C-alpha cells in the first residue's frame, strides 16, 4: 500500500479513528497504516501556502491527536499507547483490554483533539485570507455589521425550518464573523481570537461555580439545578459588573419587540410591579401614521428612562444605591 493510499484511509475520508473497540485499546501505530500515515504527515508538516516555514496545522494536528489520547490513557496506568511522530518503532503488543470508562475517555480525547484541530484550521484560513491583503483588510467592525445581522437571521430561519444541515452551515458563517472581527482587532493590537475564547471560558466558569468545584447536588431534580444555576449566575454577574441600573447591559439597538420583552423581563426581575408597565409595551397595534416598530421602540425607551429615573430618585431619597422593593418603585416612580 502506498503512502497516498494509506493517507486516504484517514478520518478525513470517513474511516473510523483508530481507537478502542469493544473495550480494547488501539495498539502501537506500527500495526496501523493509518496511524503511520498520520505520523508521516506530522513529521513532514507541509507548508501552508503563503506562510513559508510554518507547518500545516491539519498535518501537525494529527500528530497531536495521538499525544492527547495518550495523556488520557496514561491516567489508567500502564498499557498500550499511540506513538508520537519521530518516536522509534517497537514491536506491536497484543491488544490489552481496557475498562469501559478508560475506553470512553480515549474516544472523548480523540474527538476533542479533532475538534481543536478543525478550529485551528479555521483560524489559519482566516489568517491566510487576511495576509493576502485583499478585500478582508479593508473591512472594519462597523462595515461587517450588515453581514453579522444577515447571518444571524439566516441561522434563525434554519432553526425555524428545523434543517440541521442549514443550521450547521449558518453556525459556520457566524463562526466566520467571530474570526473576522477577532482578526481585525488583532491587526489593531487590541485582542486575538485566543483572548476571545479565554474570556468566554473565564466567564462561564466563574458564573457556573459547579464547574469549578462548588457542589450542586447531582441527584437534585432539574428544576432545583436550574434554580441554583440561575441564582449563581445572577449573583456573580452582578458582582462582576457592579451595575448601577437593572437595565445596564441591555443592547438597545435590538429590534423593538425583543427590546421591549428584555426590558420588561429585567424590570420584573428587579421587583418592578406589573401595574407600572405601560400598555404600549404589552399591546402592539398595527397601522397608523408611524410604524408599529418605531412606536414600540419609543415607548420602550421612555419606559427605560422612567426606570432609571426611579432608581436615581431612590438613591437620593435613601442615601444608598440598592435594589428596590415593590413599594419603593411606587414611591419613587416619576409622574
C-alpha atoms as a PDB file:
ATOM      1  CA  UNK A   1       0.000   0.000   0.000  1.00  0.00           C
ATOM      2  CA  UNK A   2       1.435   3.396  -0.989  1.00  0.00           C
ATOM      3  CA  UNK A   3       1.647   6.384   1.344  1.00  0.00           C
ATOM      4  CA  UNK A   4      -1.148   8.149  -0.532  1.00  0.00           C
ATOM      5  CA  UNK A   5      -3.331   5.062  -0.284  1.00  0.00           C
ATOM      6  CA  UNK A   6      -2.665   4.846   3.434  1.00  0.00           C
ATOM      7  CA  UNK A   7      -3.497   8.524   3.862  1.00  0.00           C
ATOM      8  CA  UNK A   8      -6.787   8.013   2.063  1.00  0.00           C
ATOM      9  CA  UNK A   9      -7.869   5.716   4.878  1.00  0.00           C
ATOM     10  CA  UNK A  10      -7.614   8.549   7.456  1.00  0.00           C
ATOM     11  CA  UNK A  11     -10.541  10.233   9.205  1.00  0.00           C
ATOM     12  CA  UNK A  12     -10.780  12.912   6.504  1.00  0.00           C
ATOM     13  CA  UNK A  13     -12.109  10.195   4.191  1.00  0.00           C
ATOM     14  CA  UNK A  14     -14.705   8.884   6.577  1.00  0.00           C
ATOM     15  CA  UNK A  15     -12.792   5.997   8.148  1.00  0.00           C
ATOM     16  CA  UNK A  16     -13.108   5.284  11.838  1.00  0.00           C
ATOM     17  CA  UNK A  17     -10.479   6.915  14.058  1.00  0.00           C
ATOM     18  CA  UNK A  18      -8.083   4.275  15.391  1.00  0.00           C
ATOM     19  CA  UNK A  19      -9.070   3.678  18.958  1.00  0.00           C
ATOM     20  CA  UNK A  20     -10.527   1.251  21.423  1.00  0.00           C
ATOM     21  CA  UNK A  21     -13.182  -1.008  20.003  1.00  0.00           C
ATOM     22  CA  UNK A  22     -15.235  -3.467  22.008  1.00  0.00           C
ATOM     23  CA  UNK A  23     -13.410  -2.428  25.161  1.00  0.00           C
ATOM     24  CA  UNK A  24      -9.894  -2.905  23.686  1.00  0.00           C
ATOM     25  CA  UNK A  25      -7.260  -0.224  23.262  1.00  0.00           C
ATOM     26  CA  UNK A  26      -5.573   0.719  19.994  1.00  0.00           C
ATOM     27  CA  UNK A  27      -2.091  -0.786  19.712  1.00  0.00           C
ATOM     28  CA  UNK A  28       1.173   0.890  18.678  1.00  0.00           C
ATOM     29  CA  UNK A  29       0.988   2.513  15.267  1.00  0.00           C
ATOM     30  CA  UNK A  30       3.462   0.010  13.743  1.00  0.00           C
ATOM     31  CA  UNK A  31       0.462  -2.246  13.159  1.00  0.00           C
ATOM     32  CA  UNK A  32      -1.798   0.562  11.924  1.00  0.00           C
ATOM     33  CA  UNK A  33      -1.129   2.022   8.438  1.00  0.00           C
ATOM     34  CA  UNK A  34      -3.488   4.936   9.153  1.00  0.00           C
ATOM     35  CA  UNK A  35      -1.527   5.976  12.235  1.00  0.00           C
ATOM     36  CA  UNK A  36       1.686   5.544  10.268  1.00  0.00           C
ATOM     37  CA  UNK A  37       0.481   7.951   7.580  1.00  0.00           C
ATOM     38  CA  UNK A  38      -0.531  10.449  10.279  1.00  0.00           C
ATOM     39  CA  UNK A  39       2.987  10.317  11.703  1.00  0.00           C
ATOM     40  CA  UNK A  40       4.399  10.943   8.229  1.00  0.00           C
ATOM     41  CA  UNK A  41       2.133  13.977   7.754  1.00  0.00           C
ATOM     42  CA  UNK A  42       3.053  15.388  11.148  1.00  0.00           C
ATOM     43  CA  UNK A  43       6.758  14.874  10.522  1.00  0.00           C
ATOM     44  CA  UNK A  44       6.708  16.427   7.043  1.00  0.00           C
ATOM     45  CA  UNK A  45       4.472  19.338   8.125  1.00  0.00           C
ATOM     46  CA  UNK A  46       3.549  20.556   4.629  1.00  0.00           C
ATOM     47  CA  UNK A  47       3.962  24.318   4.401  1.00  0.00           C
ATOM     48  CA  UNK A  48       0.850  26.495   4.395  1.00  0.00           C
ATOM     49  CA  UNK A  49       0.595  28.452   1.119  1.00  0.00           C
ATOM     50  CA  UNK A  50       1.846  31.981   1.617  1.00  0.00           C
ATOM     51  CA  UNK A  51       3.331  31.281   5.057  1.00  0.00           C
ATOM     52  CA  UNK A  52       6.814  29.899   4.409  1.00  0.00           C
ATOM     53  CA  UNK A  53       8.328  27.859   7.200  1.00  0.00           C
ATOM     54  CA  UNK A  54       5.095  27.273   9.091  1.00  0.00           C
ATOM     55  CA  UNK A  55       3.663  23.801   9.459  1.00  0.00           C
ATOM     56  CA  UNK A  56       0.226  22.894   8.237  1.00  0.00           C
ATOM     57  CA  UNK A  57      -1.953  22.739  11.389  1.00  0.00           C
ATOM     58  CA  UNK A  58      -4.021  19.995   9.779  1.00  0.00           C
ATOM     59  CA  UNK A  59      -0.972  17.760   9.374  1.00  0.00           C
ATOM     60  CA  UNK A  60       0.690  18.678  12.632  1.00  0.00           C
ATOM     61  CA  UNK A  61      -2.628  18.296  14.398  1.00  0.00           C
ATOM     62  CA  UNK A  62      -2.858  14.641  13.530  1.00  0.00           C
ATOM     63  CA  UNK A  63       0.344  14.035  15.473  1.00  0.00           C
ATOM     64  CA  UNK A  64      -1.106  15.984  18.409  1.00  0.00           C
ATOM     65  CA  UNK A  65      -4.225  13.811  18.436  1.00  0.00           C
ATOM     66  CA  UNK A  66      -2.126  10.835  19.495  1.00  0.00           C
ATOM     67  CA  UNK A  67      -0.490  12.857  22.260  1.00  0.00           C
ATOM     68  CA  UNK A  68      -3.861  13.947  23.642  1.00  0.00           C
ATOM     69  CA  UNK A  69      -5.171  10.401  23.592  1.00  0.00           C
ATOM     70  CA  UNK A  70      -2.016   9.124  25.268  1.00  0.00           C
ATOM     71  CA  UNK A  71      -2.426  11.613  28.093  1.00  0.00           C
ATOM     72  CA  UNK A  72      -5.886  10.209  28.789  1.00  0.00           C
ATOM     73  CA  UNK A  73      -4.811   6.597  28.580  1.00  0.00           C
ATOM     74  CA  UNK A  74      -1.871   7.355  30.855  1.00  0.00           C
ATOM     75  CA  UNK A  75      -4.279   8.014  33.710  1.00  0.00           C
ATOM     76  CA  UNK A  76      -5.421   4.401  33.533  1.00  0.00           C
ATOM     77  CA  UNK A  77      -1.977   3.007  34.326  1.00  0.00           C
ATOM     78  CA  UNK A  78       0.467   1.103  32.092  1.00  0.00           C
ATOM     79  CA  UNK A  79      -0.909  -0.037  28.801  1.00  0.00           C
ATOM     80  CA  UNK A  80      -0.753   0.443  25.029  1.00  0.00           C
ATOM     81  CA  UNK A  81      -0.375   3.918  23.601  1.00  0.00           C
ATOM     82  CA  UNK A  82      -0.194   5.703  20.227  1.00  0.00           C
ATOM     83  CA  UNK A  83       3.323   6.512  19.060  1.00  0.00           C
ATOM     84  CA  UNK A  84       4.012  10.230  18.583  1.00  0.00           C
ATOM     85  CA  UNK A  85       5.835  11.471  15.473  1.00  0.00           C
ATOM     86  CA  UNK A  86       9.561  10.622  15.498  1.00  0.00           C
ATOM     87  CA  UNK A  87       9.369   8.001  18.241  1.00  0.00           C
ATOM     88  CA  UNK A  88      11.294   4.761  17.422  1.00  0.00           C
ATOM     89  CA  UNK A  89       9.261   1.763  16.317  1.00  0.00           C
ATOM     90  CA  UNK A  90       8.546  -1.044  18.727  1.00  0.00           C
ATOM     91  CA  UNK A  91       7.025  -4.471  18.169  1.00  0.00           C
ATOM     92  CA  UNK A  92       3.252  -4.212  18.343  1.00  0.00           C
ATOM     93  CA  UNK A  93       1.992  -5.639  21.649  1.00  0.00           C
ATOM     94  CA  UNK A  94      -1.118  -7.719  21.879  1.00  0.00           C
ATOM     95  CA  UNK A  95      -4.336  -5.757  22.440  1.00  0.00           C
ATOM     96  CA  UNK A  96      -4.882  -5.121  26.144  1.00  0.00           C
ATOM     97  CA  UNK A  97      -8.446  -4.920  27.460  1.00  0.00           C
ATOM     98  CA  UNK A  98      -9.344  -1.524  28.903  1.00  0.00           C
ATOM     99  CA  UNK A  99     -12.098  -0.727  31.377  1.00  0.00           C
ATOM    100  CA  UNK A 100     -15.097   0.750  29.593  1.00  0.00           C
ATOM    101  CA  UNK A 101     -14.552   4.106  31.328  1.00  0.00           C
ATOM    102  CA  UNK A 102     -10.982   4.329  30.004  1.00  0.00           C
ATOM    103  CA  UNK A 103     -12.132   3.357  26.520  1.00  0.00           C
ATOM    104  CA  UNK A 104     -14.712   6.141  26.605  1.00  0.00           C
ATOM    105  CA  UNK A 105     -12.069   8.600  27.835  1.00  0.00           C
ATOM    106  CA  UNK A 106      -9.946   7.640  24.837  1.00  0.00           C
ATOM    107  CA  UNK A 107     -12.790   8.315  22.424  1.00  0.00           C
ATOM    108  CA  UNK A 108     -13.545  11.669  24.063  1.00  0.00           C
ATOM    109  CA  UNK A 109      -9.859  12.626  23.896  1.00  0.00           C
ATOM    110  CA  UNK A 110      -9.637  11.810  20.198  1.00  0.00           C
ATOM    111  CA  UNK A 111     -12.872  13.731  19.497  1.00  0.00           C
ATOM    112  CA  UNK A 112     -11.554  16.739  21.433  1.00  0.00           C
ATOM    113  CA  UNK A 113      -8.247  16.666  19.570  1.00  0.00           C
ATOM    114  CA  UNK A 114     -10.031  16.502  16.218  1.00  0.00           C
ATOM    115  CA  UNK A 115     -12.277  19.413  17.216  1.00  0.00           C
ATOM    116  CA  UNK A 116      -9.297  21.521  18.298  1.00  0.00           C
ATOM    117  CA  UNK A 117      -7.565  20.779  15.002  1.00  0.00           C
ATOM    118  CA  UNK A 118     -10.609  21.851  12.973  1.00  0.00           C
ATOM    119  CA  UNK A 119     -10.919  25.122  14.902  1.00  0.00           C
ATOM    120  CA  UNK A 120      -7.188  25.765  14.427  1.00  0.00           C
ATOM    121  CA  UNK A 121      -7.610  25.231  10.686  1.00  0.00           C
ATOM    122  CA  UNK A 122     -10.481  27.750  10.609  1.00  0.00           C
ATOM    123  CA  UNK A 123      -8.322  30.336  12.374  1.00  0.00           C
ATOM    124  CA  UNK A 124      -5.488  29.620   9.954  1.00  0.00           C
ATOM    125  CA  UNK A 125      -7.714  30.079   6.898  1.00  0.00           C
ATOM    126  CA  UNK A 126      -8.878  33.457   8.221  1.00  0.00           C
ATOM    127  CA  UNK A 127      -5.241  34.403   8.794  1.00  0.00           C
ATOM    128  CA  UNK A 128      -4.297  33.445   5.240  1.00  0.00           C
ATOM    129  CA  UNK A 129      -7.194  35.447   3.812  1.00  0.00           C
ATOM    130  CA  UNK A 130      -6.035  38.443   5.820  1.00  0.00           C
ATOM    131  CA  UNK A 131      -2.405  38.083   4.789  1.00  0.00           C
ATOM    132  CA  UNK A 132      -3.417  38.084   1.121  1.00  0.00           C
ATOM    133  CA  UNK A 133      -4.161  41.784   1.597  1.00  0.00           C
ATOM    134  CA  UNK A 134      -7.377  41.978  -0.423  1.00  0.00           C
ATOM    135  CA  UNK A 135     -10.985  42.730   0.500  1.00  0.00           C
ATOM    136  CA  UNK A 136     -10.620  41.425   4.046  1.00  0.00           C
ATOM    137  CA  UNK A 137      -8.085  44.040   5.164  1.00  0.00           C
ATOM    138  CA  UNK A 138     -10.412  46.856   4.025  1.00  0.00           C
ATOM    139  CA  UNK A 139     -13.135  45.815   6.458  1.00  0.00           C
ATOM    140  CA  UNK A 140     -13.876  47.210   9.916  1.00  0.00           C
ATOM    141  CA  UNK A 141     -16.059  46.128  12.811  1.00  0.00           C
ATOM    142  CA  UNK A 142     -18.654  48.634  11.594  1.00  0.00           C
ATOM    143  CA  UNK A 143     -18.563  47.575   7.924  1.00  0.00           C
ATOM    144  CA  UNK A 144     -19.202  43.949   8.915  1.00  0.00           C
ATOM    145  CA  UNK A 145     -22.353  44.745  10.899  1.00  0.00           C
ATOM    146  CA  UNK A 146     -24.763  44.047   7.995  1.00  0.00           C
ATOM    147  CA  UNK A 147     -23.151  40.653   7.402  1.00  0.00           C
ATOM    148  CA  UNK A 148     -23.370  39.743  11.080  1.00  0.00           C
ATOM    149  CA  UNK A 149     -27.044  40.684  11.154  1.00  0.00           C
ATOM    150  CA  UNK A 150     -27.799  38.840   7.919  1.00  0.00           C
ATOM    151  CA  UNK A 151     -26.038  35.659   9.053  1.00  0.00           C
ATOM    152  CA  UNK A 152     -27.922  35.774  12.360  1.00  0.00           C
ATOM    153  CA  UNK A 153     -31.280  35.965  10.611  1.00  0.00           C
ATOM    154  CA  UNK A 154     -30.296  33.146   8.235  1.00  0.00           C
ATOM    155  CA  UNK A 155     -29.467  30.976  11.247  1.00  0.00           C
ATOM    156  CA  UNK A 156     -32.824  31.837  12.801  1.00  0.00           C
ATOM    157  CA  UNK A 157     -34.538  30.798   9.555  1.00  0.00           C
ATOM    158  CA  UNK A 158     -32.673  27.476   9.555  1.00  0.00           C
ATOM    159  CA  UNK A 159     -33.671  26.855  13.168  1.00  0.00           C
ATOM    160  CA  UNK A 160     -37.287  27.714  12.347  1.00  0.00           C
ATOM    161  CA  UNK A 161     -37.199  25.221   9.457  1.00  0.00           C
ATOM    162  CA  UNK A 162     -35.605  22.520  11.600  1.00  0.00           C
ATOM    163  CA  UNK A 163     -32.953  21.983   8.908  1.00  0.00           C
ATOM    164  CA  UNK A 164     -29.875  20.582  10.679  1.00  0.00           C
ATOM    165  CA  UNK A 165     -27.654  20.875   7.591  1.00  0.00           C
ATOM    166  CA  UNK A 166     -28.564  24.531   7.181  1.00  0.00           C
ATOM    167  CA  UNK A 167     -28.074  25.149  10.914  1.00  0.00           C
ATOM    168  CA  UNK A 168     -24.569  23.686  10.689  1.00  0.00           C
ATOM    169  CA  UNK A 169     -23.741  25.871   7.686  1.00  0.00           C
ATOM    170  CA  UNK A 170     -25.123  29.060   9.233  1.00  0.00           C
ATOM    171  CA  UNK A 171     -23.312  28.413  12.508  1.00  0.00           C
ATOM    172  CA  UNK A 172     -20.141  28.208  10.436  1.00  0.00           C
ATOM    173  CA  UNK A 173     -20.959  31.583   8.890  1.00  0.00           C
ATOM    174  CA  UNK A 174     -21.388  33.060  12.363  1.00  0.00           C
ATOM    175  CA  UNK A 175     -18.073  31.499  13.402  1.00  0.00           C
ATOM    176  CA  UNK A 176     -16.503  33.289  10.429  1.00  0.00           C
ATOM    177  CA  UNK A 177     -17.814  36.569  11.832  1.00  0.00           C
ATOM    178  CA  UNK A 178     -16.150  35.814  15.184  1.00  0.00           C
ATOM    179  CA  UNK A 179     -12.856  35.003  13.451  1.00  0.00           C
ATOM    180  CA  UNK A 180     -13.112  38.059  11.179  1.00  0.00           C
ATOM    181  CA  UNK A 181     -13.784  40.550  13.982  1.00  0.00           C
ATOM    182  CA  UNK A 182     -11.017  38.975  16.054  1.00  0.00           C
ATOM    183  CA  UNK A 183      -8.554  39.283  13.162  1.00  0.00           C
ATOM    184  CA  UNK A 184      -9.444  42.951  12.719  1.00  0.00           C
ATOM    185  CA  UNK A 185      -8.828  43.510  16.434  1.00  0.00           C
ATOM    186  CA  UNK A 186      -5.556  41.595  16.295  1.00  0.00           C
ATOM    187  CA  UNK A 187      -4.306  43.788  13.456  1.00  0.00           C
ATOM    188  CA  UNK A 188      -5.155  46.834  15.574  1.00  0.00           C
ATOM    189  CA  UNK A 189      -3.242  45.405  18.540  1.00  0.00           C
ATOM    190  CA  UNK A 190      -6.393  45.097  20.662  1.00  0.00           C
ATOM    191  CA  UNK A 191      -7.033  41.367  21.205  1.00  0.00           C
ATOM    192  CA  UNK A 192      -6.845  37.998  19.443  1.00  0.00           C
ATOM    193  CA  UNK A 193      -9.242  35.121  18.917  1.00  0.00           C
ATOM    194  CA  UNK A 194      -7.397  33.334  21.755  1.00  0.00           C
ATOM    195  CA  UNK A 195      -8.316  36.227  24.043  1.00  0.00           C
ATOM    196  CA  UNK A 196     -11.950  35.932  22.962  1.00  0.00           C
ATOM    197  CA  UNK A 197     -12.034  32.226  23.802  1.00  0.00           C
ATOM    198  CA  UNK A 198     -10.189  32.706  27.107  1.00  0.00           C
ATOM    199  CA  UNK A 199     -12.596  35.469  28.149  1.00  0.00           C
ATOM    200  CA  UNK A 200     -15.571  33.226  27.392  1.00  0.00           C
ATOM    201  CA  UNK A 201     -14.130  30.304  29.369  1.00  0.00           C
ATOM    202  CA  UNK A 202     -13.342  32.530  32.367  1.00  0.00           C
ATOM    203  CA  UNK A 203     -16.861  33.979  32.331  1.00  0.00           C
ATOM    204  CA  UNK A 204     -18.613  30.607  32.061  1.00  0.00           C
ATOM    205  CA  UNK A 205     -16.535  29.005  34.800  1.00  0.00           C
ATOM    206  CA  UNK A 206     -16.867  31.977  37.157  1.00  0.00           C
ATOM    207  CA  UNK A 207     -20.638  32.256  36.681  1.00  0.00           C
ATOM    208  CA  UNK A 208     -21.118  28.475  36.871  1.00  0.00           C
ATOM    209  CA  UNK A 209     -19.450  27.571  40.180  1.00  0.00           C
ATOM    210  CA  UNK A 210     -20.425  23.901  39.835  1.00  0.00           C
ATOM    211  CA  UNK A 211     -17.835  23.759  37.021  1.00  0.00           C
ATOM    212  CA  UNK A 212     -15.122  24.879  39.413  1.00  0.00           C
ATOM    213  CA  UNK A 213     -15.651  22.696  42.471  1.00  0.00           C
ATOM    214  CA  UNK A 214     -18.707  24.208  44.159  1.00  0.00           C
ATOM    215  CA  UNK A 215     -21.123  21.355  44.638  1.00  0.00           C
ATOM    216  CA  UNK A 216     -24.660  21.205  43.344  1.00  0.00           C
ATOM    217  CA  UNK A 217     -26.409  18.010  44.355  1.00  0.00           C
ATOM    218  CA  UNK A 218     -26.180  15.785  41.253  1.00  0.00           C
ATOM    219  CA  UNK A 219     -29.268  13.905  42.409  1.00  0.00           C
ATOM    220  CA  UNK A 220     -31.399  17.063  42.612  1.00  0.00           C
ATOM    221  CA  UNK A 221     -34.262  17.414  40.146  1.00  0.00           C
ATOM    222  CA  UNK A 222     -33.849  19.560  37.050  1.00  0.00           C
ATOM    223  CA  UNK A 223     -35.849  22.485  38.464  1.00  0.00           C
ATOM    224  CA  UNK A 224     -33.620  22.668  41.555  1.00  0.00           C
ATOM    225  CA  UNK A 225     -30.460  22.549  39.446  1.00  0.00           C
ATOM    226  CA  UNK A 226     -31.732  25.295  37.147  1.00  0.00           C
ATOM    227  CA  UNK A 227     -32.694  27.500  40.111  1.00  0.00           C
ATOM    228  CA  UNK A 228     -29.216  27.067  41.623  1.00  0.00           C
ATOM    229  CA  UNK A 229     -27.555  27.837  38.295  1.00  0.00           C
ATOM    230  CA  UNK A 230     -29.632  30.968  37.697  1.00  0.00           C
ATOM    231  CA  UNK A 231     -29.049  32.228  41.236  1.00  0.00           C
ATOM    232  CA  UNK A 232     -25.269  31.749  40.994  1.00  0.00           C
ATOM    233  CA  UNK A 233     -25.178  33.268  37.508  1.00  0.00           C
ATOM    234  CA  UNK A 234     -27.013  36.457  38.516  1.00  0.00           C
ATOM    235  CA  UNK A 235     -25.096  36.862  41.781  1.00  0.00           C
ATOM    236  CA  UNK A 236     -21.707  36.574  40.127  1.00  0.00           C
ATOM    237  CA  UNK A 237     -22.719  38.638  37.132  1.00  0.00           C
ATOM    238  CA  UNK A 238     -23.857  41.421  39.463  1.00  0.00           C
ATOM    239  CA  UNK A 239     -20.542  41.261  41.343  1.00  0.00           C
ATOM    240  CA  UNK A 240     -18.571  41.387  38.067  1.00  0.00           C
ATOM    241  CA  UNK A 241     -20.349  44.326  36.502  1.00  0.00           C
ATOM    242  CA  UNK A 242     -21.176  46.489  39.543  1.00  0.00           C
ATOM    243  CA  UNK A 243     -24.068  47.901  37.515  1.00  0.00           C
ATOM    244  CA  UNK A 244     -25.991  50.922  38.696  1.00  0.00           C
ATOM    245  CA  UNK A 245     -29.251  50.034  36.968  1.00  0.00           C
ATOM    246  CA  UNK A 246     -31.193  46.840  36.484  1.00  0.00           C
ATOM    247  CA  UNK A 247     -31.196  47.725  32.773  1.00  0.00           C
ATOM    248  CA  UNK A 248     -27.439  48.030  32.348  1.00  0.00           C
ATOM    249  CA  UNK A 249     -26.019  45.698  29.727  1.00  0.00           C
ATOM    250  CA  UNK A 250     -29.162  45.529  27.566  1.00  0.00           C
ATOM    251  CA  UNK A 251     -28.447  46.061  23.854  1.00  0.00           C
ATOM    252  CA  UNK A 252     -30.692  48.989  22.969  1.00  0.00           C
ATOM    253  CA  UNK A 253     -30.146  48.551  19.217  1.00  0.00           C
ATOM    254  CA  UNK A 254     -32.018  45.238  19.031  1.00  0.00           C
ATOM    255  CA  UNK A 255     -35.437  45.078  17.333  1.00  0.00           C
ATOM    256  CA  UNK A 256     -38.178  46.915  19.240  1.00  0.00           C
ATOM    257  CA  UNK A 257     -40.213  43.840  20.218  1.00  0.00           C
ATOM    258  CA  UNK A 258     -37.155  41.969  21.519  1.00  0.00           C
ATOM    259  CA  UNK A 259     -36.039  45.123  23.332  1.00  0.00           C
ATOM    260  CA  UNK A 260     -39.452  45.585  24.989  1.00  0.00           C
ATOM    261  CA  UNK A 261     -39.508  41.961  26.127  1.00  0.00           C
ATOM    262  CA  UNK A 262     -35.982  42.186  27.520  1.00  0.00           C
ATOM    263  CA  UNK A 263     -36.589  45.417  29.437  1.00  0.00           C
ATOM    264  CA  UNK A 264     -39.883  44.171  30.882  1.00  0.00           C
ATOM    265  CA  UNK A 265     -38.264  40.904  31.932  1.00  0.00           C
ATOM    266  CA  UNK A 266     -35.300  42.660  33.544  1.00  0.00           C
ATOM    267  CA  UNK A 267     -37.594  45.142  35.333  1.00  0.00           C
ATOM    268  CA  UNK A 268     -39.845  42.404  36.714  1.00  0.00           C
ATOM    269  CA  UNK A 269     -36.762  40.557  37.919  1.00  0.00           C
ATOM    270  CA  UNK A 270     -35.760  43.726  39.784  1.00  0.00           C
ATOM    271  CA  UNK A 271     -39.105  43.794  41.608  1.00  0.00           C
ATOM    272  CA  UNK A 272     -40.957  46.324  39.448  1.00  0.00           C
ATOM    273  CA  UNK A 273     -44.735  45.868  39.948  1.00  0.00           C
ATOM    274  CA  UNK A 274     -46.617  44.896  36.817  1.00  0.00           C
ATOM    275  CA  UNK A 275     -49.021  47.840  37.071  1.00  0.00           C
ATOM    276  CA  UNK A 276     -46.134  50.215  36.274  1.00  0.00           C
ATOM    277  CA  UNK A 277     -45.538  48.605  32.873  1.00  0.00           C
ATOM    278  CA  UNK A 278     -47.384  50.734  30.292  1.00  0.00           C
ATOM    279  CA  UNK A 279     -49.960  49.222  27.965  1.00  0.00           C
ATOM    280  CA  UNK A 280     -47.919  50.340  24.933  1.00  0.00           C
ATOM    281  CA  UNK A 281     -45.373  47.651  25.818  1.00  0.00           C
ATOM    282  CA  UNK A 282     -47.889  44.854  26.321  1.00  0.00           C
ATOM    283  CA  UNK A 283     -50.184  45.508  23.355  1.00  0.00           C
ATOM    284  CA  UNK A 284     -48.793  46.159  19.875  1.00  0.00           C
ATOM    285  CA  UNK A 285     -51.170  47.934  17.489  1.00  0.00           C
ATOM    286  CA  UNK A 286     -50.569  47.816  13.759  1.00  0.00           C
ATOM    287  CA  UNK A 287     -51.404  50.660  11.400  1.00  0.00           C
ATOM    288  CA  UNK A 288     -51.389  54.419  11.918  1.00  0.00           C
ATOM    289  CA  UNK A 289     -49.141  57.220  10.660  1.00  0.00           C
ATOM    290  CA  UNK A 290     -45.985  55.809  12.280  1.00  0.00           C
ATOM    291  CA  UNK A 291     -44.717  52.239  12.020  1.00  0.00           C
ATOM    292  CA  UNK A 292     -45.526  49.859  14.845  1.00  0.00           C
ATOM    293  CA  UNK A 293     -41.779  49.205  15.192  1.00  0.00           C
ATOM    294  CA  UNK A 294     -40.952  52.860  15.807  1.00  0.00           C
ATOM    295  CA  UNK A 295     -43.908  53.426  18.161  1.00  0.00           C
ATOM    296  CA  UNK A 296     -42.902  50.431  20.257  1.00  0.00           C
ATOM    297  CA  UNK A 297     -39.244  51.477  20.282  1.00  0.00           C
ATOM    298  CA  UNK A 298     -40.128  54.984  21.502  1.00  0.00           C
ATOM    299  CA  UNK A 299     -42.452  53.664  24.212  1.00  0.00           C
ATOM    300  CA  UNK A 300     -39.789  51.165  25.329  1.00  0.00           C
ATOM    301  CA  UNK A 301     -37.093  53.825  25.542  1.00  0.00           C
ATOM    302  CA  UNK A 302     -39.427  56.109  27.523  1.00  0.00           C
ATOM    303  CA  UNK A 303     -40.172  53.252  29.923  1.00  0.00           C
ATOM    304  CA  UNK A 304     -36.463  52.525  30.352  1.00  0.00           C
ATOM    305  CA  UNK A 305     -35.822  56.194  31.132  1.00  0.00           C
ATOM    306  CA  UNK A 306     -38.504  56.139  33.844  1.00  0.00           C
ATOM    307  CA  UNK A 307     -36.952  53.032  35.433  1.00  0.00           C
ATOM    308  CA  UNK A 308     -33.555  54.723  35.602  1.00  0.00           C
ATOM    309  CA  UNK A 309     -35.124  57.896  36.993  1.00  0.00           C
ATOM    310  CA  UNK A 310     -36.811  55.907  39.777  1.00  0.00           C
ATOM    311  CA  UNK A 311     -33.531  54.198  40.659  1.00  0.00           C
ATOM    312  CA  UNK A 312     -31.749  57.556  40.806  1.00  0.00           C
ATOM    313  CA  UNK A 313     -34.503  59.120  42.919  1.00  0.00           C
ATOM    314  CA  UNK A 314     -34.388  56.167  45.332  1.00  0.00           C
ATOM    315  CA  UNK A 315     -30.650  56.594  45.734  1.00  0.00           C
ATOM    316  CA  UNK A 316     -31.099  60.266  46.611  1.00  0.00           C
ATOM    317  CA  UNK A 317     -34.008  59.559  48.972  1.00  0.00           C
ATOM    318  CA  UNK A 318     -32.405  56.609  50.785  1.00  0.00           C
ATOM    319  CA  UNK A 319     -28.796  57.711  50.617  1.00  0.00           C
ATOM    320  CA  UNK A 320     -27.608  54.432  49.101  1.00  0.00           C
ATOM    321  CA  UNK A 321     -27.721  52.678  45.730  1.00  0.00           C
ATOM    322  CA  UNK A 322     -29.585  49.455  46.436  1.00  0.00           C
ATOM    323  CA  UNK A 323     -32.273  47.245  44.875  1.00  0.00           C
ATOM    324  CA  UNK A 324     -35.849  48.496  45.141  1.00  0.00           C
ATOM    325  CA  UNK A 325     -38.788  46.611  46.623  1.00  0.00           C
ATOM    326  CA  UNK A 326     -42.264  46.878  45.132  1.00  0.00           C
ATOM    327  CA  UNK A 327     -43.282  49.711  47.464  1.00  0.00           C
ATOM    328  CA  UNK A 328     -40.046  51.582  46.659  1.00  0.00           C
ATOM    329  CA  UNK A 329     -40.823  51.502  42.951  1.00  0.00           C
ATOM    330  CA  UNK A 330     -44.206  53.110  43.599  1.00  0.00           C
ATOM    331  CA  UNK A 331     -42.704  55.698  45.948  1.00  0.00           C
ATOM    332  CA  UNK A 332     -40.002  56.877  43.574  1.00  0.00           C
ATOM    333  CA  UNK A 333     -41.741  56.296  40.246  1.00  0.00           C
ATOM    334  CA  UNK A 334     -41.699  59.553  38.170  1.00  0.00           C
ATOM    335  CA  UNK A 335     -45.080  61.051  37.302  1.00  0.00           C
END
